Amino acid sequence: MMVTELTDRIRFNRATPLELLVEGFTLIGPDPRPIRDDLGLFCVGWDSRASLWFWQDMERIFDIARPEGKRLDSRFLITWPTWRSAPAITSCSKANEYLKTEQKRWDREFTDGVFREVNNPDAEGLERSKNAQHVFGFWLFDTHGFGEMPENAVAWELQNVPPPMPWHRWKFKMDIELDVTKYWPQLGVFHLTPE
């Protein structure tokens, strides 16, 4: 597929909250930012249902039961890691520096990088105010937004023959794109110092 065919799918996703290694956060409720477009084409990479399936499978194996009428209230926590490239962000000023660097890196992809054959959809001429502003924090999603849980996720039928890679045993994809607009996430915001 040519890069030019992907133009309508190329965007600088400001909606997904950015992860930080800080101690405190505030859960503020439904995300108030204009994030609907990004929720309509939401890439989560690894299928988040896998972790929940493993947990539920452990409960089945060990016959863990809850009192009558009680159920486990599960949520998927989604955040985009920054700690590899910016491990020392603890203040608002450092966070702003990081965001400026990321914006420059994104713009450079359209002059020298993989997207140099297409127009930058985030060019200065466009109204960036329509986009969600970055936030350092996380989303909490209702698990139903990610689809039904499979009854049996074991895909490898020959039980005595180990698969070449552990993740080949499970029916969970690694390149999941979802429309989660019906499952608006709660937003948690990390605490940063002013300076």
C-alpha atoms as a PDB file:
ATOM      1  CA  MET A   1       0.000   0.000   0.000  1.00  0.00           C
ATOM      2  CA  MET A   2       1.368   3.380  -0.972  1.00  0.00           C
ATOM      3  CA  VAL A   3       1.820   6.018   1.721  1.00  0.00           C
ATOM      4  CA  THR A   4      -0.441   8.365  -0.245  1.00  0.00           C
ATOM      5  CA  GLU A   5      -3.322   5.895   0.185  1.00  0.00           C
ATOM      6  CA  LEU A   6      -3.030   6.288   3.955  1.00  0.00           C
ATOM      7  CA  THR A   7      -3.489  10.067   4.014  1.00  0.00           C
ATOM      8  CA  ASP A   8      -6.904   9.953   5.693  1.00  0.00           C
ATOM      9  CA  ARG A   9      -5.497   7.713   8.443  1.00  0.00           C
ATOM     10  CA  ILE A  10      -2.411   9.799   9.210  1.00  0.00           C
ATOM     11  CA  ARG A  11      -2.778  12.183  12.127  1.00  0.00           C
ATOM     12  CA  PHE A  12      -0.986  13.321  15.230  1.00  0.00           C
ATOM     13  CA  ASN A  13      -3.083  11.690  17.919  1.00  0.00           C
ATOM     14  CA  ARG A  14      -3.220  14.163  20.794  1.00  0.00           C
ATOM     15  CA  ALA A  15      -6.132  12.395  22.430  1.00  0.00           C
ATOM     16  CA  THR A  16      -4.429   9.370  23.998  1.00  0.00           C
ATOM     17  CA  PRO A  17      -3.074  10.408  27.415  1.00  0.00           C
ATOM     18  CA  LEU A  18       0.676  10.278  27.935  1.00  0.00           C
ATOM     19  CA  GLU A  19       2.237   8.180  30.671  1.00  0.00           C
ATOM     20  CA  LEU A  20       4.608   9.592  33.267  1.00  0.00           C
ATOM     21  CA  LEU A  21       6.467   8.088  36.200  1.00  0.00           C
ATOM     22  CA  VAL A  22       4.882  10.258  38.877  1.00  0.00           C
ATOM     23  CA  GLU A  23       3.172   9.372  42.130  1.00  0.00           C
ATOM     24  CA  GLY A  24      -0.197  11.104  42.140  1.00  0.00           C
ATOM     25  CA  PHE A  25      -3.194  11.482  39.858  1.00  0.00           C
ATOM     26  CA  THR A  26      -6.756  12.774  39.886  1.00  0.00           C
ATOM     27  CA  LEU A  27      -9.610  10.879  38.234  1.00  0.00           C
ATOM     28  CA  ILE A  28     -11.758  13.655  36.771  1.00  0.00           C
ATOM     29  CA  GLY A  29     -14.519  11.598  35.130  1.00  0.00           C
ATOM     30  CA  PRO A  30     -15.435  11.477  31.420  1.00  0.00           C
ATOM     31  CA  ASP A  31     -12.713  13.012  29.258  1.00  0.00           C
ATOM     32  CA  PRO A  32     -13.955  16.562  28.497  1.00  0.00           C
ATOM     33  CA  ARG A  33     -11.691  17.074  25.469  1.00  0.00           C
ATOM     34  CA  PRO A  34     -12.853  16.837  21.805  1.00  0.00           C
ATOM     35  CA  ILE A  35     -11.604  13.279  21.282  1.00  0.00           C
ATOM     36  CA  ARG A  36     -14.437  11.681  19.258  1.00  0.00           C
ATOM     37  CA  ASP A  37     -12.452  11.492  15.994  1.00  0.00           C
ATOM     38  CA  ASP A  38      -9.560   9.724  17.678  1.00  0.00           C
ATOM     39  CA  LEU A  39     -11.888   7.318  19.488  1.00  0.00           C
ATOM     40  CA  GLY A  40     -13.401   6.404  16.120  1.00  0.00           C
ATOM     41  CA  LEU A  41     -10.066   5.061  14.876  1.00  0.00           C
ATOM     42  CA  PHE A  42      -8.324   3.983  18.034  1.00  0.00           C
ATOM     43  CA  CYS A  43      -5.193   1.844  17.773  1.00  0.00           C
ATOM     44  CA  VAL A  44      -4.316  -0.095  20.912  1.00  0.00           C
ATOM     45  CA  GLY A  45      -1.565  -2.296  19.480  1.00  0.00           C
ATOM     46  CA  TRP A  46      -1.842  -5.501  21.505  1.00  0.00           C
ATOM     47  CA  ASP A  47      -5.413  -6.619  22.103  1.00  0.00           C
ATOM     48  CA  SER A  48      -6.153  -5.444  25.641  1.00  0.00           C
ATOM     49  CA  ARG A  49      -8.590  -8.310  26.188  1.00  0.00           C
ATOM     50  CA  ALA A  50      -5.663 -10.725  26.489  1.00  0.00           C
ATOM     51  CA  SER A  51      -4.705  -9.544  29.985  1.00  0.00           C
ATOM     52  CA  LEU A  52      -8.303  -9.837  31.193  1.00  0.00           C
ATOM     53  CA  TRP A  53      -8.681 -13.259  29.601  1.00  0.00           C
ATOM     54  CA  PHE A  54      -5.550 -14.521  31.393  1.00  0.00           C
ATOM     55  CA  TRP A  55      -6.918 -13.212  34.695  1.00  0.00           C
ATOM     56  CA  GLN A  56     -10.287 -14.873  34.164  1.00  0.00           C
ATOM     57  CA  ASP A  57      -8.572 -18.083  33.071  1.00  0.00           C
ATOM     58  CA  MET A  58      -6.547 -18.092  36.298  1.00  0.00           C
ATOM     59  CA  GLU A  59      -9.793 -17.741  38.262  1.00  0.00           C
ATOM     60  CA  ARG A  60     -11.264 -20.687  36.359  1.00  0.00           C
ATOM     61  CA  ILE A  61      -8.186 -22.860  36.929  1.00  0.00           C
ATOM     62  CA  PHE A  62      -8.077 -22.165  40.671  1.00  0.00           C
ATOM     63  CA  ASP A  63     -11.860 -22.241  41.025  1.00  0.00           C
ATOM     64  CA  ILE A  64     -12.020 -18.728  42.464  1.00  0.00           C
ATOM     65  CA  ALA A  65     -15.606 -17.712  43.147  1.00  0.00           C
ATOM     66  CA  ARG A  66     -17.095 -14.485  44.486  1.00  0.00           C
ATOM     67  CA  PRO A  67     -20.047 -14.158  46.854  1.00  0.00           C
ATOM     68  CA  GLU A  68     -23.458 -14.363  45.222  1.00  0.00           C
ATOM     69  CA  GLY A  69     -24.210 -11.278  43.161  1.00  0.00           C
ATOM     70  CA  LYS A  70     -20.660  -9.931  43.312  1.00  0.00           C
ATOM     71  CA  ARG A  71     -18.647  -9.435  40.140  1.00  0.00           C
ATOM     72  CA  LEU A  72     -15.216  -8.131  39.292  1.00  0.00           C
ATOM     73  CA  ASP A  73     -15.475  -4.581  37.965  1.00  0.00           C
ATOM     74  CA  SER A  74     -12.785  -4.484  35.282  1.00  0.00           C
ATOM     75  CA  ARG A  75     -11.520  -1.543  33.250  1.00  0.00           C
ATOM     76  CA  PHE A  76      -8.789  -1.220  30.651  1.00  0.00           C
ATOM     77  CA  LEU A  77      -6.219   1.441  31.483  1.00  0.00           C
ATOM     78  CA  ILE A  78      -4.774   3.036  28.345  1.00  0.00           C
ATOM     79  CA  THR A  79      -1.830   5.431  28.281  1.00  0.00           C
ATOM     80  CA  TRP A  80       0.978   6.151  25.841  1.00  0.00           C
ATOM     81  CA  PRO A  81       4.490   5.591  27.261  1.00  0.00           C
ATOM     82  CA  THR A  82       6.935   8.496  27.296  1.00  0.00           C
ATOM     83  CA  TRP A  83       9.406   7.281  29.905  1.00  0.00           C
ATOM     84  CA  ARG A  84      11.841   5.786  27.371  1.00  0.00           C
ATOM     85  CA  SER A  85      12.414   9.147  25.719  1.00  0.00           C
ATOM     86  CA  ALA A  86      11.563  11.450  28.615  1.00  0.00           C
ATOM     87  CA  PRO A  87      12.131   9.755  31.977  1.00  0.00           C
ATOM     88  CA  ALA A  88      12.557  12.969  33.983  1.00  0.00           C
ATOM     89  CA  ILE A  89       9.235  14.741  33.356  1.00  0.00           C
ATOM     90  CA  THR A  90       7.873  15.757  36.738  1.00  0.00           C
ATOM     91  CA  SER A  91       6.962  19.403  36.101  1.00  0.00           C
ATOM     92  CA  CYS A  92       4.738  21.384  33.744  1.00  0.00           C
ATOM     93  CA  SER A  93       7.744  23.126  32.191  1.00  0.00           C
ATOM     94  CA  LYS A  94       9.446  19.792  31.400  1.00  0.00           C
ATOM     95  CA  ALA A  95       6.165  18.470  30.005  1.00  0.00           C
ATOM     96  CA  ASN A  96       5.867  21.463  27.661  1.00  0.00           C
ATOM     97  CA  GLU A  97       9.443  20.932  26.455  1.00  0.00           C
ATOM     98  CA  TYR A  98       8.636  17.304  25.701  1.00  0.00           C
ATOM     99  CA  LEU A  99       5.493  18.226  23.730  1.00  0.00           C
ATOM    100  CA  LYS A 100       7.401  20.755  21.617  1.00  0.00           C
ATOM    101  CA  THR A 101      10.032  18.126  20.827  1.00  0.00           C
ATOM    102  CA  GLU A 102       7.354  15.606  19.843  1.00  0.00           C
ATOM    103  CA  GLN A 103       5.639  18.154  17.579  1.00  0.00           C
ATOM    104  CA  LYS A 104       8.931  18.877  15.802  1.00  0.00           C
ATOM    105  CA  ARG A 105       9.583  15.157  15.405  1.00  0.00           C
ATOM    106  CA  TRP A 106       6.107  14.688  13.897  1.00  0.00           C
ATOM    107  CA  ASP A 107       6.486  17.616  11.479  1.00  0.00           C
ATOM    108  CA  ARG A 108       9.897  16.319  10.396  1.00  0.00           C
ATOM    109  CA  GLU A 109       8.303  13.064   9.166  1.00  0.00           C
ATOM    110  CA  PHE A 110       6.653  15.097   6.383  1.00  0.00           C
ATOM    111  CA  THR A 111       9.881  16.725   5.222  1.00  0.00           C
ATOM    112  CA  ASP A 112      12.529  14.052   5.762  1.00  0.00           C
ATOM    113  CA  GLY A 113      10.690  10.967   7.001  1.00  0.00           C
ATOM    114  CA  VAL A 114       8.298   8.247   5.909  1.00  0.00           C
ATOM    115  CA  PHE A 115       5.435  10.661   5.125  1.00  0.00           C
ATOM    116  CA  ARG A 116       7.387  13.030   2.867  1.00  0.00           C
ATOM    117  CA  GLU A 117       5.119  12.165  -0.098  1.00  0.00           C
ATOM    118  CA  VAL A 118       1.950  13.420   1.603  1.00  0.00           C
ATOM    119  CA  ASN A 119       0.752  16.727   3.008  1.00  0.00           C
ATOM    120  CA  ASN A 120       1.009  17.177   6.743  1.00  0.00           C
ATOM    121  CA  PRO A 121      -2.589  17.053   8.031  1.00  0.00           C
ATOM    122  CA  ASP A 122      -1.392  18.940  11.094  1.00  0.00           C
ATOM    123  CA  ALA A 123       0.148  21.841   9.178  1.00  0.00           C
ATOM    124  CA  GLU A 124       0.108  25.338  10.637  1.00  0.00           C
ATOM    125  CA  GLY A 125      -2.664  26.376   8.245  1.00  0.00           C
ATOM    126  CA  LEU A 126      -5.134  24.024   9.913  1.00  0.00           C
ATOM    127  CA  GLU A 127      -7.000  24.930  13.072  1.00  0.00           C
ATOM    128  CA  ARG A 128      -5.149  22.985  15.721  1.00  0.00           C
ATOM    129  CA  SER A 129      -7.611  24.237  18.298  1.00  0.00           C
ATOM    130  CA  LYS A 130     -10.106  21.689  16.940  1.00  0.00           C
ATOM    131  CA  ASN A 131      -7.807  18.907  18.069  1.00  0.00           C
ATOM    132  CA  ALA A 132      -7.648  17.576  21.585  1.00  0.00           C
ATOM    133  CA  GLN A 133      -4.846  19.044  23.645  1.00  0.00           C
ATOM    134  CA  HIS A 134      -2.297  16.653  25.082  1.00  0.00           C
ATOM    135  CA  VAL A 135      -2.742  15.478  28.642  1.00  0.00           C
ATOM    136  CA  PHE A 136      -0.414  13.496  30.870  1.00  0.00           C
ATOM    137  CA  GLY A 137      -2.502  10.773  32.434  1.00  0.00           C
ATOM    138  CA  PHE A 138      -4.537   7.729  31.437  1.00  0.00           C
ATOM    139  CA  TRP A 139      -7.914   6.558  30.183  1.00  0.00           C
ATOM    140  CA  LEU A 140     -10.155   4.008  31.861  1.00  0.00           C
ATOM    141  CA  PHE A 141     -12.356   2.147  29.377  1.00  0.00           C
ATOM    142  CA  ASP A 142     -15.304  -0.138  29.905  1.00  0.00           C
ATOM    143  CA  THR A 143     -14.056  -3.559  28.806  1.00  0.00           C
ATOM    144  CA  HIS A 144     -17.141  -4.089  26.614  1.00  0.00           C
ATOM    145  CA  GLY A 145     -15.840  -1.466  24.204  1.00  0.00           C
ATOM    146  CA  PHE A 146     -13.068  -3.838  23.150  1.00  0.00           C
ATOM    147  CA  GLY A 147     -15.352  -6.683  22.064  1.00  0.00           C
ATOM    148  CA  GLU A 148     -16.563  -9.970  23.483  1.00  0.00           C
ATOM    149  CA  MET A 149     -14.172 -12.249  25.307  1.00  0.00           C
ATOM    150  CA  PRO A 150     -13.487 -15.523  23.470  1.00  0.00           C
ATOM    151  CA  GLU A 151     -14.631 -18.700  25.225  1.00  0.00           C
ATOM    152  CA  ASN A 152     -11.329 -20.444  24.634  1.00  0.00           C
ATOM    153  CA  ALA A 153      -8.338 -18.381  23.577  1.00  0.00           C
ATOM    154  CA  VAL A 154      -6.006 -21.356  23.125  1.00  0.00           C
ATOM    155  CA  ALA A 155      -5.346 -21.646  19.406  1.00  0.00           C
ATOM    156  CA  TRP A 156      -2.538 -24.178  19.579  1.00  0.00           C
ATOM    157  CA  GLU A 157      -4.198 -27.600  19.369  1.00  0.00           C
ATOM    158  CA  LEU A 158      -1.122 -29.750  19.906  1.00  0.00           C
ATOM    159  CA  GLN A 159      -0.814 -29.254  23.652  1.00  0.00           C
ATOM    160  CA  ASN A 160       2.412 -31.221  24.006  1.00  0.00           C
ATOM    161  CA  VAL A 161       4.219 -29.231  21.328  1.00  0.00           C
ATOM    162  CA  PRO A 162       5.248 -25.756  22.492  1.00  0.00           C
ATOM    163  CA  PRO A 163       4.633 -22.980  19.967  1.00  0.00           C
ATOM    164  CA  PRO A 164       7.612 -21.067  18.591  1.00  0.00           C
ATOM    165  CA  MET A 165       6.567 -17.898  20.427  1.00  0.00           C
ATOM    166  CA  PRO A 166       4.324 -17.639  23.525  1.00  0.00           C
ATOM    167  CA  TRP A 167       1.894 -15.198  21.938  1.00  0.00           C
ATOM    168  CA  HIS A 168       1.178 -17.599  19.057  1.00  0.00           C
ATOM    169  CA  ARG A 169      -0.956 -19.605  21.471  1.00  0.00           C
ATOM    170  CA  TRP A 170      -3.642 -16.966  21.774  1.00  0.00           C
ATOM    171  CA  LYS A 171      -6.324 -15.657  19.455  1.00  0.00           C
ATOM    172  CA  PHE A 172      -5.482 -12.041  20.165  1.00  0.00           C
ATOM    173  CA  LYS A 173      -4.139  -9.769  17.453  1.00  0.00           C
ATOM    174  CA  MET A 174      -1.284  -7.311  17.850  1.00  0.00           C
ATOM    175  CA  ASP A 175      -2.608  -4.502  15.618  1.00  0.00           C
ATOM    176  CA  ILE A 176      -6.067  -3.740  16.954  1.00  0.00           C
ATOM    177  CA  GLU A 177      -7.991  -0.702  15.708  1.00  0.00           C
ATOM    178  CA  LEU A 178     -11.335  -0.002  17.353  1.00  0.00           C
ATOM    179  CA  ASP A 179     -14.243   2.397  17.247  1.00  0.00           C
ATOM    180  CA  VAL A 180     -14.857   3.108  20.934  1.00  0.00           C
ATOM    181  CA  THR A 181     -16.951   6.265  20.548  1.00  0.00           C
ATOM    182  CA  LYS A 182     -19.828   4.541  22.387  1.00  0.00           C
ATOM    183  CA  TYR A 183     -17.561   3.837  25.354  1.00  0.00           C
ATOM    184  CA  TRP A 184     -16.288   7.293  26.277  1.00  0.00           C
ATOM    185  CA  PRO A 185     -13.340   6.883  28.662  1.00  0.00           C
ATOM    186  CA  GLN A 186     -12.788   8.326  32.094  1.00  0.00           C
ATOM    187  CA  LEU A 187      -9.708  10.517  32.292  1.00  0.00           C
ATOM    188  CA  GLY A 188      -7.076  10.377  34.997  1.00  0.00           C
ATOM    189  CA  VAL A 189      -4.592  13.262  35.112  1.00  0.00           C
ATOM    190  CA  PHE A 190      -1.124  12.939  36.624  1.00  0.00           C
ATOM    191  CA  HIS A 191       0.048  15.510  39.164  1.00  0.00           C
ATOM    192  CA  LEU A 192       2.920  17.699  37.954  1.00  0.00           C
ATOM    193  CA  THR A 193       4.764  20.452  39.767  1.00  0.00           C
ATOM    194  CA  PRO A 194       4.532  23.949  38.190  1.00  0.00           C
ATOM    195  CA  GLU A 195       8.280  24.270  37.556  1.00  0.00           C
END
